[in-house]
């Protein structure tokens, strides 16, 4: 195996190992996202796209070269020469085997290179989606909690209003009873005042009659005194 195909084979083994590590179940997407957020990756990010497309171009060239080699050694001319000379037959099959091997190595390297980039992208997207969903879940939980608090506050307010209405109705009923009681007392007082006024009026009339009777008696007394005085003078 030449140096370039040895490098491609090592690159293929490294890709297999990296893809297996990326697919380990107990390593979550958030952990990979934290790994991809290291400062070294931000430092290498300007060169990453260039390196990625450069490797794609190199692998495509090697893949096309392997395809050309396979077609070259599987064509009719090398097979005719191999039938004539047995040594050439073994050499042609060896070349064909190496070309097919190089074709598989370059093809799988190109395929796994694309798969590895896609896995990294999906891991980052899954991590961001989980973070966003966690944020949305937290917002939803806070919204539900706030809604429950508002609902509890509304229930408390309704209960307070009902209790207030009950207390107001009880107060109104008590005030109504007190007003009725006061109205009865006022009516009784008015009745007693009316009776008192009637008694006072009767006493005034009686006093007026007594005064008139006293004046009459006083006049009669004066008349009797005058008559007695006149009789005394006649006797003398």
C-alpha atoms as a PDB file:
ATOM      1  CA  UNK A   1       0.000   0.000   0.000  1.00  0.00           C
ATOM      2  CA  UNK A   2       1.400   3.358  -1.020  1.00  0.00           C
ATOM      3  CA  UNK A   3       1.776   6.282   1.402  1.00  0.00           C
ATOM      4  CA  UNK A   4      -1.320   8.125   0.204  1.00  0.00           C
ATOM      5  CA  UNK A   5      -3.589   5.090   0.559  1.00  0.00           C
ATOM      6  CA  UNK A   6      -2.061   4.298   3.954  1.00  0.00           C
ATOM      7  CA  UNK A   7      -2.990   7.840   5.025  1.00  0.00           C
ATOM      8  CA  UNK A   8      -6.520   7.375   3.614  1.00  0.00           C
ATOM      9  CA  UNK A   9      -6.868   4.051   5.458  1.00  0.00           C
ATOM     10  CA  UNK A  10      -5.733   5.651   8.741  1.00  0.00           C
ATOM     11  CA  UNK A  11      -8.151   8.507   8.103  1.00  0.00           C
ATOM     12  CA  UNK A  12     -10.938   5.939   7.576  1.00  0.00           C
ATOM     13  CA  UNK A  13     -10.098   4.185  10.857  1.00  0.00           C
ATOM     14  CA  UNK A  14     -10.085   7.545  12.660  1.00  0.00           C
ATOM     15  CA  UNK A  15     -13.483   8.376  11.146  1.00  0.00           C
ATOM     16  CA  UNK A  16     -14.900   5.041  12.303  1.00  0.00           C
ATOM     17  CA  UNK A  17     -13.595   5.627  15.839  1.00  0.00           C
ATOM     18  CA  UNK A  18     -14.956   9.211  15.967  1.00  0.00           C
ATOM     19  CA  UNK A  19     -18.367   8.154  14.643  1.00  0.00           C
ATOM     20  CA  UNK A  20     -18.558   5.325  17.183  1.00  0.00           C
ATOM     21  CA  UNK A  21     -17.688   7.770  19.985  1.00  0.00           C
ATOM     22  CA  UNK A  22     -20.295  10.250  18.727  1.00  0.00           C
ATOM     23  CA  UNK A  23     -22.920   7.505  18.729  1.00  0.00           C
ATOM     24  CA  UNK A  24     -22.252   6.340  22.298  1.00  0.00           C
ATOM     25  CA  UNK A  25     -25.691   6.306  24.006  1.00  0.00           C
ATOM     26  CA  UNK A  26     -24.726   7.577  27.486  1.00  0.00           C
ATOM     27  CA  UNK A  27     -23.114  10.752  26.098  1.00  0.00           C
ATOM     28  CA  UNK A  28     -26.005  13.190  25.738  1.00  0.00           C
ATOM     29  CA  UNK A  29     -26.364  15.882  23.111  1.00  0.00           C
ATOM     30  CA  UNK A  30     -25.983  18.607  25.769  1.00  0.00           C
ATOM     31  CA  UNK A  31     -22.617  17.188  26.779  1.00  0.00           C
ATOM     32  CA  UNK A  32     -21.429  17.092  23.181  1.00  0.00           C
ATOM     33  CA  UNK A  33     -22.677  20.651  22.736  1.00  0.00           C
ATOM     34  CA  UNK A  34     -20.634  21.727  25.742  1.00  0.00           C
ATOM     35  CA  UNK A  35     -17.624  19.945  24.233  1.00  0.00           C
ATOM     36  CA  UNK A  36     -18.175  21.651  20.884  1.00  0.00           C
ATOM     37  CA  UNK A  37     -18.393  24.986  22.720  1.00  0.00           C
ATOM     38  CA  UNK A  38     -14.778  24.786  23.900  1.00  0.00           C
ATOM     39  CA  UNK A  39     -12.547  27.696  23.021  1.00  0.00           C
ATOM     40  CA  UNK A  40     -10.299  25.572  20.813  1.00  0.00           C
ATOM     41  CA  UNK A  41     -13.185  24.868  18.424  1.00  0.00           C
ATOM     42  CA  UNK A  42     -14.008  28.557  18.161  1.00  0.00           C
ATOM     43  CA  UNK A  43     -10.341  29.122  17.349  1.00  0.00           C
ATOM     44  CA  UNK A  44     -10.417  26.385  14.688  1.00  0.00           C
ATOM     45  CA  UNK A  45     -13.838  27.335  13.281  1.00  0.00           C
ATOM     46  CA  UNK A  46     -12.470  29.742  10.610  1.00  0.00           C
ATOM     47  CA  UNK A  47     -10.392  26.871   9.182  1.00  0.00           C
ATOM     48  CA  UNK A  48     -12.971  24.119   9.650  1.00  0.00           C
ATOM     49  CA  UNK A  49     -15.006  24.722   6.510  1.00  0.00           C
ATOM     50  CA  UNK A  50     -11.888  25.037   4.390  1.00  0.00           C
ATOM     51  CA  UNK A  51     -10.507  21.801   5.839  1.00  0.00           C
ATOM     52  CA  UNK A  52     -13.831  20.033   5.360  1.00  0.00           C
ATOM     53  CA  UNK A  53     -14.203  20.940   1.689  1.00  0.00           C
ATOM     54  CA  UNK A  54     -10.510  20.286   1.047  1.00  0.00           C
ATOM     55  CA  UNK A  55     -10.847  16.751   2.431  1.00  0.00           C
ATOM     56  CA  UNK A  56     -13.971  16.216   0.339  1.00  0.00           C
ATOM     57  CA  UNK A  57     -12.127  17.256  -2.806  1.00  0.00           C
ATOM     58  CA  UNK A  58      -9.125  15.038  -1.962  1.00  0.00           C
ATOM     59  CA  UNK A  59     -11.350  12.037  -1.224  1.00  0.00           C
ATOM     60  CA  UNK A  60     -13.375  12.586  -4.398  1.00  0.00           C
ATOM     61  CA  UNK A  61     -10.166  12.719  -6.472  1.00  0.00           C
ATOM     62  CA  UNK A  62      -8.887   9.554  -4.815  1.00  0.00           C
ATOM     63  CA  UNK A  63     -12.268   7.863  -5.290  1.00  0.00           C
ATOM     64  CA  UNK A  64     -12.319   8.759  -9.003  1.00  0.00           C
ATOM     65  CA  UNK A  65      -8.740   7.550  -9.360  1.00  0.00           C
ATOM     66  CA  UNK A  66      -9.710   4.250  -7.707  1.00  0.00           C
ATOM     67  CA  UNK A  67     -12.705   3.961 -10.066  1.00  0.00           C
ATOM     68  CA  UNK A  68     -10.411   4.559 -13.016  1.00  0.00           C
ATOM     69  CA  UNK A  69      -7.990   1.915 -11.780  1.00  0.00           C
ATOM     70  CA  UNK A  70     -10.828  -0.599 -11.313  1.00  0.00           C
ATOM     71  CA  UNK A  71     -12.083   0.049 -14.820  1.00  0.00           C
ATOM     72  CA  UNK A  72      -8.558  -0.124 -16.162  1.00  0.00           C
ATOM     73  CA  UNK A  73      -7.773  -3.557 -14.713  1.00  0.00           C
ATOM     74  CA  UNK A  74     -11.236  -5.026 -15.213  1.00  0.00           C
ATOM     75  CA  UNK A  75     -11.368  -4.164 -18.930  1.00  0.00           C
ATOM     76  CA  UNK A  76     -11.031  -6.684 -21.782  1.00  0.00           C
ATOM     77  CA  UNK A  77      -7.410  -5.848 -22.799  1.00  0.00           C
ATOM     78  CA  UNK A  78      -5.698  -6.718 -19.472  1.00  0.00           C
ATOM     79  CA  UNK A  79      -7.763  -9.920 -19.298  1.00  0.00           C
ATOM     80  CA  UNK A  80      -6.652 -10.969 -22.780  1.00  0.00           C
ATOM     81  CA  UNK A  81      -3.023 -10.369 -21.862  1.00  0.00           C
ATOM     82  CA  UNK A  82      -3.571 -12.303 -18.613  1.00  0.00           C
ATOM     83  CA  UNK A  83      -4.902 -15.312 -20.512  1.00  0.00           C
ATOM     84  CA  UNK A  84      -1.796 -15.398 -22.688  1.00  0.00           C
ATOM     85  CA  UNK A  85       0.698 -15.101 -19.815  1.00  0.00           C
ATOM     86  CA  UNK A  86      -0.171 -16.632 -16.403  1.00  0.00           C
ATOM     87  CA  UNK A  87       2.221 -14.328 -14.576  1.00  0.00           C
ATOM     88  CA  UNK A  88       0.490 -11.323 -16.072  1.00  0.00           C
ATOM     89  CA  UNK A  89      -2.857 -12.835 -14.941  1.00  0.00           C
ATOM     90  CA  UNK A  90      -1.764 -12.820 -11.294  1.00  0.00           C
ATOM     91  CA  UNK A  91      -0.341  -9.315 -11.632  1.00  0.00           C
ATOM     92  CA  UNK A  92      -3.594  -8.007 -13.189  1.00  0.00           C
ATOM     93  CA  UNK A  93      -5.722  -9.553 -10.440  1.00  0.00           C
ATOM     94  CA  UNK A  94      -3.404  -8.108  -7.802  1.00  0.00           C
ATOM     95  CA  UNK A  95      -3.744  -4.657  -9.370  1.00  0.00           C
ATOM     96  CA  UNK A  96      -7.514  -5.100  -9.625  1.00  0.00           C
ATOM     97  CA  UNK A  97      -7.703  -6.147  -5.954  1.00  0.00           C
ATOM     98  CA  UNK A  98      -5.667  -3.089  -4.899  1.00  0.00           C
ATOM     99  CA  UNK A  99      -7.825  -0.809  -7.039  1.00  0.00           C
ATOM    100  CA  UNK A 100     -11.029  -2.234  -5.531  1.00  0.00           C
ATOM    101  CA  UNK A 101      -9.540  -1.943  -2.049  1.00  0.00           C
ATOM    102  CA  UNK A 102      -8.602   1.692  -2.700  1.00  0.00           C
ATOM    103  CA  UNK A 103     -12.102   2.263  -4.104  1.00  0.00           C
ATOM    104  CA  UNK A 104     -13.720   0.961  -0.919  1.00  0.00           C
ATOM    105  CA  UNK A 105     -11.313   2.853   1.334  1.00  0.00           C
ATOM    106  CA  UNK A 106     -11.821   6.193  -0.454  1.00  0.00           C
ATOM    107  CA  UNK A 107     -15.578   5.657  -0.828  1.00  0.00           C
ATOM    108  CA  UNK A 108     -16.168   4.803   2.810  1.00  0.00           C
ATOM    109  CA  UNK A 109     -13.846   7.617   3.910  1.00  0.00           C
ATOM    110  CA  UNK A 110     -15.869  10.118   1.870  1.00  0.00           C
ATOM    111  CA  UNK A 111     -19.154   8.666   3.131  1.00  0.00           C
ATOM    112  CA  UNK A 112     -18.106   8.676   6.806  1.00  0.00           C
ATOM    113  CA  UNK A 113     -16.660  12.187   6.476  1.00  0.00           C
ATOM    114  CA  UNK A 114     -20.068  13.469   5.365  1.00  0.00           C
ATOM    115  CA  UNK A 115     -21.822  11.355   8.011  1.00  0.00           C
ATOM    116  CA  UNK A 116     -19.560  12.692  10.766  1.00  0.00           C
ATOM    117  CA  UNK A 117     -20.287  16.310   9.846  1.00  0.00           C
ATOM    118  CA  UNK A 118     -24.002  15.545   9.751  1.00  0.00           C
ATOM    119  CA  UNK A 119     -23.868  13.852  13.171  1.00  0.00           C
ATOM    120  CA  UNK A 120     -22.084  16.848  14.708  1.00  0.00           C
ATOM    121  CA  UNK A 121     -24.656  19.221  13.190  1.00  0.00           C
ATOM    122  CA  UNK A 122     -27.556  17.115  14.448  1.00  0.00           C
ATOM    123  CA  UNK A 123     -26.060  16.874  17.937  1.00  0.00           C
ATOM    124  CA  UNK A 124     -25.768  20.659  18.114  1.00  0.00           C
ATOM    125  CA  UNK A 125     -29.313  21.086  16.823  1.00  0.00           C
ATOM    126  CA  UNK A 126     -30.672  18.537  19.310  1.00  0.00           C
ATOM    127  CA  UNK A 127     -28.829  20.258  22.176  1.00  0.00           C
ATOM    128  CA  UNK A 128     -30.178  23.674  21.165  1.00  0.00           C
ATOM    129  CA  UNK A 129     -33.667  22.212  20.755  1.00  0.00           C
ATOM    130  CA  UNK A 130     -33.491  20.646  24.209  1.00  0.00           C
ATOM    131  CA  UNK A 131     -32.294  23.939  25.704  1.00  0.00           C
ATOM    132  CA  UNK A 132     -35.104  25.824  23.982  1.00  0.00           C
ATOM    133  CA  UNK A 133     -37.646  23.212  25.054  1.00  0.00           C
ATOM    134  CA  UNK A 134     -36.322  23.420  28.620  1.00  0.00           C
ATOM    135  CA  UNK A 135     -36.686  27.204  28.495  1.00  0.00           C
ATOM    136  CA  UNK A 136     -40.176  26.898  27.048  1.00  0.00           C
ATOM    137  CA  UNK A 137     -41.045  24.306  29.689  1.00  0.00           C
ATOM    138  CA  UNK A 138     -39.808  26.656  32.398  1.00  0.00           C
ATOM    139  CA  UNK A 139     -41.841  29.509  30.897  1.00  0.00           C
ATOM    140  CA  UNK A 140     -44.879  27.266  30.639  1.00  0.00           C
ATOM    141  CA  UNK A 141     -44.432  26.132  34.260  1.00  0.00           C
ATOM    142  CA  UNK A 142     -44.120  29.750  35.401  1.00  0.00           C
ATOM    143  CA  UNK A 143     -47.181  30.690  33.333  1.00  0.00           C
ATOM    144  CA  UNK A 144     -49.167  27.786  34.810  1.00  0.00           C
ATOM    145  CA  UNK A 145     -47.991  28.749  38.295  1.00  0.00           C
ATOM    146  CA  UNK A 146     -48.979  32.376  37.700  1.00  0.00           C
ATOM    147  CA  UNK A 147     -52.357  31.250  36.329  1.00  0.00           C
ATOM    148  CA  UNK A 148     -52.918  29.093  39.430  1.00  0.00           C
ATOM    149  CA  UNK A 149     -51.960  32.020  41.653  1.00  0.00           C
ATOM    150  CA  UNK A 150     -54.360  34.310  39.769  1.00  0.00           C
ATOM    151  CA  UNK A 151     -57.069  31.676  40.010  1.00  0.00           C
ATOM    152  CA  UNK A 152     -56.490  31.286  43.734  1.00  0.00           C
ATOM    153  CA  UNK A 153     -56.517  35.077  44.118  1.00  0.00           C
ATOM    154  CA  UNK A 154     -59.795  35.259  42.174  1.00  0.00           C
ATOM    155  CA  UNK A 155     -61.312  32.545  44.369  1.00  0.00           C
ATOM    156  CA  UNK A 156     -60.125  34.358  47.491  1.00  0.00           C
ATOM    157  CA  UNK A 157     -61.559  37.621  46.169  1.00  0.00           C
ATOM    158  CA  UNK A 158     -64.865  35.935  45.337  1.00  0.00           C
ATOM    159  CA  UNK A 159     -65.033  34.411  48.815  1.00  0.00           C
ATOM    160  CA  UNK A 160     -64.227  37.788  50.348  1.00  0.00           C
ATOM    161  CA  UNK A 161     -66.946  39.405  48.245  1.00  0.00           C
ATOM    162  CA  UNK A 162     -69.448  36.730  49.263  1.00  0.00           C
ATOM    163  CA  UNK A 163     -68.518  37.127  52.913  1.00  0.00           C
ATOM    164  CA  UNK A 164     -68.749  40.895  52.528  1.00  0.00           C
ATOM    165  CA  UNK A 165     -72.176  40.593  50.935  1.00  0.00           C
ATOM    166  CA  UNK A 166     -73.280  38.245  53.716  1.00  0.00           C
ATOM    167  CA  UNK A 167     -71.960  40.588  56.392  1.00  0.00           C
ATOM    168  CA  UNK A 168     -73.568  43.565  54.636  1.00  0.00           C
ATOM    169  CA  UNK A 169     -76.898  41.741  54.403  1.00  0.00           C
ATOM    170  CA  UNK A 170     -76.633  40.786  58.080  1.00  0.00           C
ATOM    171  CA  UNK A 171     -75.733  44.381  58.939  1.00  0.00           C
ATOM    172  CA  UNK A 172     -78.634  45.672  56.865  1.00  0.00           C
ATOM    173  CA  UNK A 173     -80.973  43.216  58.573  1.00  0.00           C
ATOM    174  CA  UNK A 174     -79.699  44.296  61.973  1.00  0.00           C
ATOM    175  CA  UNK A 175     -80.010  47.953  61.031  1.00  0.00           C
ATOM    176  CA  UNK A 176     -83.512  47.317  59.746  1.00  0.00           C
ATOM    177  CA  UNK A 177     -84.445  45.671  63.038  1.00  0.00           C
ATOM    178  CA  UNK A 178     -82.914  48.567  64.960  1.00  0.00           C
ATOM    179  CA  UNK A 179     -84.802  51.075  62.788  1.00  0.00           C
ATOM    180  CA  UNK A 180     -88.036  49.194  63.351  1.00  0.00           C
ATOM    181  CA  UNK A 181     -87.309  49.116  67.071  1.00  0.00           C
ATOM    182  CA  UNK A 182     -86.535  52.828  67.123  1.00  0.00           C
ATOM    183  CA  UNK A 183     -89.666  53.519  65.060  1.00  0.00           C
ATOM    184  CA  UNK A 184     -91.739  51.599  67.634  1.00  0.00           C
ATOM    185  CA  UNK A 185     -90.076  53.474  70.458  1.00  0.00           C
ATOM    186  CA  UNK A 186     -90.653  56.762  68.639  1.00  0.00           C
ATOM    187  CA  UNK A 187     -94.294  55.873  68.102  1.00  0.00           C
ATOM    188  CA  UNK A 188     -94.660  54.957  71.769  1.00  0.00           C
ATOM    189  CA  UNK A 189     -92.917  58.199  72.747  1.00  0.00           C
ATOM    190  CA  UNK A 190     -95.176  60.198  70.460  1.00  0.00           C
ATOM    191  CA  UNK A 191     -98.193  58.455  72.012  1.00  0.00           C
ATOM    192  CA  UNK A 192     -96.954  59.230  75.493  1.00  0.00           C
ATOM    193  CA  UNK A 193     -96.245  62.832  74.490  1.00  0.00           C
ATOM    194  CA  UNK A 194     -99.741  63.105  73.025  1.00  0.00           C
ATOM    195  CA  UNK A 195    -101.217  61.729  76.231  1.00  0.00           C
ATOM    196  CA  UNK A 196     -99.056  64.094  78.262  1.00  0.00           C
ATOM    197  CA  UNK A 197    -100.162  67.037  76.123  1.00  0.00           C
ATOM    198  CA  UNK A 198    -103.777  65.971  76.601  1.00  0.00           C
ATOM    199  CA  UNK A 199    -103.266  65.734  80.352  1.00  0.00           C
ATOM    200  CA  UNK A 200    -101.561  69.129  80.415  1.00  0.00           C
ATOM    201  CA  UNK A 201    -104.388  70.624  78.394  1.00  0.00           C
ATOM    202  CA  UNK A 202    -106.925  69.089  80.768  1.00  0.00           C
ATOM    203  CA  UNK A 203    -104.991  70.428  83.743  1.00  0.00           C
ATOM    204  CA  UNK A 204    -104.898  73.863  82.115  1.00  0.00           C
ATOM    205  CA  UNK A 205    -108.629  73.765  81.600  1.00  0.00           C
ATOM    206  CA  UNK A 206    -109.135  72.611  85.156  1.00  0.00           C
ATOM    207  CA  UNK A 207    -106.824  75.330  86.422  1.00  0.00           C
ATOM    208  CA  UNK A 208    -108.657  77.917  84.335  1.00  0.00           C
ATOM    209  CA  UNK A 209    -111.985  76.680  85.751  1.00  0.00           C
ATOM    210  CA  UNK A 210    -110.567  76.771  89.274  1.00  0.00           C
ATOM    211  CA  UNK A 211    -109.308  80.297  88.681  1.00  0.00           C
ATOM    212  CA  UNK A 212    -112.705  81.397  87.439  1.00  0.00           C
ATOM    213  CA  UNK A 213    -114.376  79.713  90.404  1.00  0.00           C
ATOM    214  CA  UNK A 214    -111.882  81.354  92.747  1.00  0.00           C
ATOM    215  CA  UNK A 215    -112.610  84.764  91.233  1.00  0.00           C
ATOM    216  CA  UNK A 216    -116.342  84.172  91.556  1.00  0.00           C
ATOM    217  CA  UNK A 217    -115.971  83.105  95.154  1.00  0.00           C
ATOM    218  CA  UNK A 218    -113.728  86.074  95.840  1.00  0.00           C
ATOM    219  CA  UNK A 219    -116.336  88.458  94.407  1.00  0.00           C
ATOM    220  CA  UNK A 220    -119.031  86.821  96.433  1.00  0.00           C
ATOM    221  CA  UNK A 221    -116.856  87.120  99.515  1.00  0.00           C
ATOM    222  CA  UNK A 222    -116.375  90.831  98.882  1.00  0.00           C
ATOM    223  CA  UNK A 223    -120.075  91.263  98.362  1.00  0.00           C
ATOM    224  CA  UNK A 224    -120.811  89.445 101.588  1.00  0.00           C
ATOM    225  CA  UNK A 225    -118.321  91.618 103.439  1.00  0.00           C
ATOM    226  CA  UNK A 226    -119.891  94.749 101.981  1.00  0.00           C
ATOM    227  CA  UNK A 227    -123.365  93.625 102.998  1.00  0.00           C
ATOM    228  CA  UNK A 228    -122.185  92.829 106.529  1.00  0.00           C
ATOM    229  CA  UNK A 229    -120.549  96.227 106.835  1.00  0.00           C
ATOM    230  CA  UNK A 230    -123.751  97.917 105.700  1.00  0.00           C
ATOM    231  CA  UNK A 231    -125.847  96.051 108.249  1.00  0.00           C
ATOM    232  CA  UNK A 232    -123.434  96.969 111.055  1.00  0.00           C
ATOM    233  CA  UNK A 233    -123.772 100.608 110.172  1.00  0.00           C
ATOM    234  CA  UNK A 234    -127.564 100.401 110.239  1.00  0.00           C
ATOM    235  CA  UNK A 235    -127.592  98.839 113.694  1.00  0.00           C
ATOM    236  CA  UNK A 236    -125.519 101.633 115.149  1.00  0.00           C
END
